[in-house]
Amino acid sequence: MFVDPSHVLNSIGLNGLLAFANGRFALGFDAQQITEDDLNQALTGTPETDLQTTVANWFKDAASNVNNTIFGYVARFNLNPEEIDSSPLRGIAADLMRYELCNNDIDESILTRRKHAMQELDKIAKGVIQVKASTPASHGPVRTAAPGSQFNWQAY
């Protein structure tokens, strides 16, 4: 919904994602390095190897966490894909994905990005940052009546 693999690849960068993935999985796969092809196949195609499947599942879990977090803040807006694309939510999702995917979650720059993303989500939820104009609630049809006036129109 909010996380798109190609947007995450463009935002974080292929080298950044490779560093995160190799830091997380290289030891578990007998020091086998994850390549650009493995990462692209895992995120944008159908995984063919165990390593690619592991990377794809890692990304899907992180994306699920980020989507659920963002949805908790913006559920009341009922956003469609065009509104999501034109809002700051894609950038927020990329910053939250950086935190979810990193293998060093005490890195100051990553923590700062996550902190700012969460603050922006809070502002969106409070209405300080508007992602969609709220539709007014209708209370039924509008009734009009002739205005009652004590003014003497004939004497005017």
Protein backbone atom coordinates (compact mmCIF):
# COMPACT_ATOMS: atom_id res chain seq x y z
CA MET A 1 0.00 0.00 0.00
CA PHE A 2 2.53 2.64 1.13
CA VAL A 3 5.72 0.65 0.43
CA ASP A 4 6.71 0.04 -3.16
CA PRO A 5 9.90 -2.01 -3.81
CA SER A 6 11.03 0.17 -6.70
CA HIS A 7 10.54 3.34 -4.64
CA VAL A 8 12.49 1.81 -1.74
CA LEU A 9 15.26 0.80 -4.13
CA ASN A 10 15.40 4.36 -5.48
CA SER A 11 15.18 5.99 -2.04
CA ILE A 12 17.62 3.87 -0.08
CA GLY A 13 19.74 2.91 -3.07
CA LEU A 14 20.89 -0.44 -4.30
CA ASN A 15 24.21 -0.22 -2.45
CA GLY A 16 22.48 0.65 0.82
CA LEU A 17 20.07 -2.28 0.51
CA LEU A 18 22.94 -4.60 -0.42
CA ALA A 19 24.85 -3.50 2.68
CA PHE A 20 21.79 -4.09 4.88
CA ALA A 21 21.08 -7.50 3.32
CA ASN A 22 24.69 -8.69 3.42
CA GLY A 23 25.03 -7.53 7.01
CA ARG A 24 21.94 -9.48 7.96
CA PHE A 25 22.25 -12.69 5.90
CA ALA A 26 25.83 -13.25 4.72
CA LEU A 27 26.83 -15.21 7.83
CA GLY A 28 23.74 -17.41 7.69
CA PHE A 29 24.48 -18.47 4.13
CA ASP A 30 28.12 -19.49 4.63
CA ALA A 31 29.41 -15.97 3.86
CA GLN A 32 27.73 -16.00 0.46
CA GLN A 33 27.45 -12.38 -0.68
CA ILE A 34 24.11 -11.14 -1.92
CA THR A 35 24.53 -9.62 -5.36
CA GLU A 36 22.59 -6.91 -7.20
CA ASP A 37 20.91 -9.61 -9.27
CA ASP A 38 19.83 -11.49 -6.14
CA LEU A 39 18.39 -8.32 -4.62
CA ASN A 40 16.57 -7.25 -7.79
CA GLN A 41 15.17 -10.73 -8.34
CA ALA A 42 14.02 -10.97 -4.72
CA LEU A 43 12.32 -7.57 -4.64
CA THR A 44 10.96 -7.10 -8.15
CA GLY A 45 10.70 -10.63 -9.54
CA THR A 46 10.08 -14.16 -8.38
CA PRO A 47 12.81 -15.53 -6.07
CA GLU A 48 14.63 -18.51 -7.54
CA THR A 49 17.08 -19.48 -4.77
CA ASP A 50 16.84 -19.90 -1.02
CA LEU A 51 18.90 -16.77 -0.53
CA GLN A 52 16.57 -14.73 -2.74
CA THR A 53 13.52 -16.15 -0.97
CA THR A 54 15.00 -15.19 2.39
CA VAL A 55 15.68 -11.65 1.16
CA ALA A 56 12.16 -11.40 -0.29
CA ASN A 57 10.60 -12.53 3.00
CA TRP A 58 12.79 -10.09 4.95
CA PHE A 59 11.61 -7.25 2.72
CA LYS A 60 7.94 -8.33 2.90
CA ASP A 61 8.05 -8.47 6.72
CA ALA A 62 9.58 -5.00 6.90
CA ALA A 63 7.05 -3.66 4.37
CA SER A 64 4.19 -5.16 6.36
CA ASN A 65 5.42 -3.50 9.55
CA VAL A 66 5.77 -0.12 7.84
CA ASN A 67 2.40 -0.37 6.06
CA ASN A 68 0.65 -1.25 9.31
CA THR A 69 2.34 1.60 11.16
CA ILE A 70 1.39 4.19 8.55
CA PHE A 71 -2.11 2.80 8.16
CA GLY A 72 -2.66 3.21 11.89
CA TYR A 73 -2.08 6.95 11.50
CA VAL A 74 -3.98 7.60 8.26
CA ALA A 75 -6.80 5.03 8.22
CA ARG A 76 -9.50 7.64 8.71
CA PHE A 77 -8.57 9.43 5.47
CA ASN A 78 -9.50 6.54 3.10
CA LEU A 79 -6.68 7.38 0.68
CA ASN A 80 -6.59 6.08 -2.88
CA PRO A 81 -3.29 5.27 -4.67
CA GLU A 82 -3.13 8.65 -6.44
CA GLU A 83 -3.52 10.51 -3.14
CA ILE A 84 -0.84 8.35 -1.54
CA ASP A 85 1.56 9.06 -4.41
CA SER A 86 1.00 12.82 -4.17
CA SER A 87 1.39 12.91 -0.38
CA PRO A 88 4.54 12.73 1.76
CA LEU A 89 3.65 9.17 2.78
CA ARG A 90 5.98 7.50 0.26
CA GLY A 91 8.97 9.36 1.69
CA ILE A 92 7.89 8.53 5.22
CA ALA A 93 7.57 4.88 4.21
CA ALA A 94 11.09 4.90 2.74
CA ASP A 95 12.54 6.33 5.97
CA LEU A 96 10.70 3.76 8.07
CA MET A 97 11.84 0.97 5.72
CA ARG A 98 15.43 2.12 6.14
CA TYR A 99 15.05 1.57 9.89
CA GLU A 100 13.26 -1.78 9.48
CA LEU A 101 15.84 -3.16 7.05
CA CYS A 102 19.03 -1.91 8.66
CA ASN A 103 21.29 -4.23 10.57
CA ASN A 104 22.61 -1.44 12.80
CA ASP A 105 19.56 0.06 14.49
CA ILE A 106 21.66 2.33 16.71
CA ASP A 107 23.00 4.34 13.74
CA GLU A 108 22.22 7.98 14.56
CA SER A 109 21.24 8.98 11.03
CA ILE A 110 18.79 6.10 10.69
CA LEU A 111 17.30 6.78 14.12
CA THR A 112 16.94 10.47 13.26
CA ARG A 113 15.17 9.65 9.99
CA ARG A 114 12.80 7.30 11.82
CA LYS A 115 12.12 9.89 14.51
CA HIS A 116 11.29 12.56 11.93
CA ALA A 117 9.09 10.15 9.97
CA MET A 118 7.12 9.26 13.10
CA GLN A 119 6.75 12.96 13.96
CA GLU A 120 5.39 13.62 10.47
CA LEU A 121 2.91 10.76 10.85
CA ASP A 122 1.78 12.26 14.14
CA LYS A 123 1.29 15.65 12.46
CA ILE A 124 -0.69 14.00 9.67
CA ALA A 125 -2.91 12.24 12.19
CA LYS A 126 -3.52 15.53 14.03
CA GLY A 127 -4.28 17.38 10.80
CA VAL A 128 -1.27 19.71 10.93
CA ILE A 129 -0.03 18.18 7.66
CA GLN A 130 -2.95 17.57 5.35
CA VAL A 131 -2.85 14.59 3.01
CA LYS A 132 -6.48 14.75 2.01
CA ALA A 133 -9.19 17.30 2.59
CA SER A 134 -11.72 15.93 5.01
CA THR A 135 -15.19 15.59 3.60
CA PRO A 136 -17.82 17.27 5.72
CA ALA A 137 -20.33 15.00 7.38
CA SER A 138 -23.84 15.41 6.03
CA HIS A 139 -26.73 15.65 8.43
CA GLY A 140 -29.49 15.33 5.86
CA PRO A 141 -30.98 17.63 3.27
CA VAL A 142 -30.75 21.37 3.70
CA ARG A 143 -34.09 23.05 4.31
CA THR A 144 -34.74 26.63 3.45
CA ALA A 145 -37.60 28.85 4.50
CA ALA A 146 -38.61 32.37 3.76
CA PRO A 147 -36.69 34.70 6.05
CA GLY A 148 -38.74 36.13 8.83
CA SER A 149 -38.30 39.87 9.06
CA GLN A 150 -39.80 42.71 11.07
CA PHE A 151 -38.54 45.24 8.56
CA ASN A 152 -41.17 47.38 6.87
CA TRP A 153 -40.26 47.06 3.19
CA GLN A 154 -43.14 49.25 1.97
CA ALA A 155 -42.00 52.23 4.03
CA TYR A 156 -38.47 51.94 2.75
